[in-house]
Amino acid sequence: MRDDADGRGCAMVSERPPRESLASSFGAPTRRDEPPRRGFDVEAEQQRSTTISIAKSLIPGIAAVREQQGWTVGELIIQALEATHEQLPEHLYPQGRIGGSLFAARGPARAAQAASGGARTKLNFRLPAIDFDVIDRQVDLTAARSRGHLIETALRLYLADHQITTDDDHSKD
């Protein structure tokens, strides 16, 4: 007991909130319908779509690999980049590279004109957003002109390595 201001005794009252019982704190586990996802980033896994321009001669080889493997175009692109990423720098500018340190890397003007000649077509594909980040990093690391330049070169090398021929092989573009 404690005396109040008038000298009367009063009981001490705890000002703490009441405790939960141990049973409620350690009750039966709740059941989940799905296991928890760790490290899952919804934005990174969200599918994005894009279109690039490639040589029309690559389409039969792309179709053949897709049929044999059952891959989507995006999966084929990932596999081609994985398989050829070490070779890409030397094949992006086979006629020689101009610039690359102070200036943006490029091939000689005549090589660019020759590479742009010939039938072209659009290639549409979907990938998780995080995969586009990896492709963009590879564009920077290899000094490719664009995603399309990097992907087309990787596809050409991959199809050639797997003996899937194209109508007009420009593996030296």
Foldseek 3Di string as FASTA:
>chain_A
DDADPVRDDDDDDDPDDDDDDVCVVDDDDDDDPDDDDPPDDPQQQDKDKDKAKAAPQLVVLLVVCCVVVVDFSVVLLVVLCVVCVVPQLCQLAVQDWDDDDPDQIDHPPVVVVVRPDHDMDMDMDMGGNNVVVVLVVSCNVSSHPDSNSRSNLSSLVVSVVVVNDTPDRPSND
